[in-house]
C-alpha atoms as a PDB file:
ATOM      1  CA  MET A   1     -32.871  -7.288  48.636  1.00  0.00           C
ATOM      2  CA  ARG A   2     -35.599  -5.633  46.543  1.00  0.00           C
ATOM      3  CA  ALA A   3     -33.273  -2.723  45.844  1.00  0.00           C
ATOM      4  CA  VAL A   4     -30.615  -5.097  44.505  1.00  0.00           C
ATOM      5  CA  ILE A   5     -33.144  -6.871  42.269  1.00  0.00           C
ATOM      6  CA  ALA A   6     -34.473  -3.543  41.024  1.00  0.00           C
ATOM      7  CA  ALA A   7     -30.928  -2.344  40.275  1.00  0.00           C
ATOM      8  CA  LEU A   8     -30.128  -5.566  38.420  1.00  0.00           C
ATOM      9  CA  LEU A   9     -33.332  -5.279  36.377  1.00  0.00           C
ATOM     10  CA  LEU A  10     -32.454  -1.679  35.544  1.00  0.00           C
ATOM     11  CA  VAL A  11     -28.951  -2.687  34.442  1.00  0.00           C
ATOM     12  CA  ALA A  12     -30.378  -5.545  32.360  1.00  0.00           C
ATOM     13  CA  GLY A  13     -32.859  -3.138  30.718  1.00  0.00           C
ATOM     14  CA  VAL A  14     -30.114  -0.631  29.876  1.00  0.00           C
ATOM     15  CA  LEU A  15     -27.902  -3.384  28.442  1.00  0.00           C
ATOM     16  CA  ALA A  16     -30.798  -4.739  26.357  1.00  0.00           C
ATOM     17  CA  TRP A  17     -31.480  -1.233  25.006  1.00  0.00           C
ATOM     18  CA  GLN A  18     -27.807  -0.735  24.122  1.00  0.00           C
ATOM     19  CA  LEU A  19     -27.653  -4.117  22.415  1.00  0.00           C
ATOM     20  CA  THR A  20     -30.767  -3.305  20.375  1.00  0.00           C
ATOM     21  CA  SER A  21     -29.235   0.026  19.352  1.00  0.00           C
ATOM     22  CA  GLU A  22     -25.990  -1.658  18.299  1.00  0.00           C
ATOM     23  CA  VAL A  23     -27.814  -4.283  16.252  1.00  0.00           C
ATOM     24  CA  LYS A  24     -29.863  -1.600  14.488  1.00  0.00           C
ATOM     25  CA  SER A  25     -26.733   0.453  13.802  1.00  0.00           C
ATOM     26  CA  ASN A  26     -24.947  -2.651  12.481  1.00  0.00           C
ATOM     27  CA  TRP A  27     -27.785  -3.401  10.036  1.00  0.00           C
ATOM     28  CA  GLN A  28     -27.716   0.194   8.789  1.00  0.00           C
ATOM     29  CA  LEU A  29     -23.962  -0.009   8.182  1.00  0.00           C
ATOM     30  CA  ARG A  30     -24.360  -3.321   6.361  1.00  0.00           C
ATOM     31  CA  GLY A  31     -26.986  -1.733   4.132  1.00  0.00           C
ATOM     32  CA  GLN A  32     -24.702   1.195   3.348  1.00  0.00           C
ATOM     33  CA  LEU A  33     -21.801  -1.133   2.507  1.00  0.00           C
ATOM     34  CA  ALA A  34     -24.051  -3.247   0.287  1.00  0.00           C
ATOM     35  CA  ASP A  35     -25.259  -0.121  -1.531  1.00  0.00           C
ATOM     36  CA  LYS A  36     -21.656   1.015  -2.025  1.00  0.00           C
ATOM     37  CA  SER A  37     -20.655  -2.431  -3.325  1.00  0.00           C
ATOM     38  CA  ARG A  38     -23.580  -2.464  -5.770  1.00  0.00           C
ATOM     39  CA  LEU A  39     -22.682   1.023  -7.008  1.00  0.00           C
ATOM     40  CA  GLU A  40     -19.034   0.049  -7.530  1.00  0.00           C
ATOM     41  CA  SER A  41     -20.108  -3.132  -9.320  1.00  0.00           C
ATOM     42  CA  LEU A  42     -22.407  -1.183 -11.642  1.00  0.00           C
ATOM     43  CA  GLN A  43     -19.643   1.324 -12.368  1.00  0.00           C
ATOM     44  CA  LEU A  44     -17.203  -1.475 -13.229  1.00  0.00           C
ATOM     45  CA  LYS A  45     -19.767  -3.152 -15.504  1.00  0.00           C
ATOM     46  CA  GLU A  46     -20.432   0.158 -17.256  1.00  0.00           C
ATOM     47  CA  LYS A  47     -16.692   0.760 -17.727  1.00  0.00           C
ATOM     48  CA  CYS A  48     -16.326  -2.775 -19.108  1.00  0.00           C
ATOM     49  CA  ALA A  49     -19.137  -2.181 -21.595  1.00  0.00           C
ATOM     50  CA  GLN A  50     -17.557   1.094 -22.732  1.00  0.00           C
ATOM     51  CA  GLN A  51     -14.157  -0.553 -23.184  1.00  0.00           C
ATOM     52  CA  ALA A  52     -15.736  -3.413 -25.131  1.00  0.00           C
ATOM     53  CA  GLU A  53     -17.458  -0.981 -27.476  1.00  0.00           C
ATOM     54  CA  LYS A  54     -14.230   0.964 -28.061  1.00  0.00           C
ATOM     55  CA  LEU A  55     -12.258  -2.205 -28.765  1.00  0.00           C
ATOM     56  CA  PHE A  56     -14.894  -3.633 -31.087  1.00  0.00           C
ATOM     57  CA  ASN A  57     -15.078  -0.394 -33.069  1.00  0.00           C
ATOM     58  CA  ALA A  58     -11.279  -0.172 -33.234  1.00  0.00           C
ATOM     59  CA  LEU A  59     -11.012  -3.748 -34.501  1.00  0.00           C
ATOM     60  CA  ALA A  60     -13.716  -3.074 -37.074  1.00  0.00           C
ATOM     61  CA  ARG A  61     -11.679  -0.143 -38.462  1.00  0.00           C
ATOM     62  CA  GLU A  62      -8.412  -2.076 -38.749  1.00  0.00           C
ATOM     63  CA  ASP A  63      -7.041  -3.745 -41.869  1.00  0.00           C
ATOM     64  CA  PRO A  64      -9.539  -6.554 -42.303  1.00  0.00           C
ATOM     65  CA  PRO A  65     -12.712  -5.127 -43.775  1.00  0.00           C
ATOM     66  CA  ARG A  66     -15.800  -5.303 -41.591  1.00  0.00           C
ATOM     67  CA  GLU A  67     -17.292  -7.929 -43.933  1.00  0.00           C
ATOM     68  CA  LEU A  68     -14.548 -10.340 -42.843  1.00  0.00           C
ATOM     69  CA  LEU A  69     -15.458 -10.081 -39.184  1.00  0.00           C
ATOM     70  CA  ASP A  70     -17.444 -13.062 -37.952  1.00  0.00           C
ATOM     71  CA  THR A  71     -20.046 -10.876 -36.291  1.00  0.00           C
ATOM     72  CA  ASP A  72     -21.509  -7.397 -36.323  1.00  0.00           C
ATOM     73  CA  ASP A  73     -22.076  -7.288 -32.608  1.00  0.00           C
ATOM     74  CA  TYR A  74     -20.328  -8.066 -29.375  1.00  0.00           C
ATOM     75  CA  GLN A  75     -21.028  -8.784 -25.738  1.00  0.00           C
ATOM     76  CA  SER A  76     -19.160  -7.772 -22.639  1.00  0.00           C
ATOM     77  CA  HIS A  77     -19.095  -9.325 -19.190  1.00  0.00           C
ATOM     78  CA  TYR A  78     -17.345  -8.091 -16.064  1.00  0.00           C
ATOM     79  CA  ASN A  79     -16.285 -10.918 -13.752  1.00  0.00           C
ATOM     80  CA  ALA A  80     -16.010  -9.512 -10.230  1.00  0.00           C
ATOM     81  CA  LYS A  81     -14.168 -12.542  -8.821  1.00  0.00           C
ATOM     82  CA  LEU A  82     -11.432 -12.279 -11.440  1.00  0.00           C
ATOM     83  CA  ALA A  83     -11.692  -8.469 -11.732  1.00  0.00           C
ATOM     84  CA  LYS A  84     -11.614  -8.915 -15.523  1.00  0.00           C
ATOM     85  CA  CYS A  85     -13.639  -7.589 -18.407  1.00  0.00           C
ATOM     86  CA  PHE A  86     -14.456 -10.176 -21.081  1.00  0.00           C
ATOM     87  CA  ILE A  87     -15.502  -9.260 -24.612  1.00  0.00           C
END
């Protein structure tokens, strides 16, 4: 009887250790995915800002003189939900 209890305790200990290892591994993977998502988001925002600058400068060089533009500056915003760049 003691041998059975000891074996069950050993199995429970091994399973607890494996579960702890899996949880730790899962948290590490989540962190890596979050870092990748943040990097992609920053890259998309940077690309949006570059496109906004190009467009604004191109519009400023077109037929209407710069004095006729309503503003001398611009803002850009990348909306991740819509996957759109707004200027």
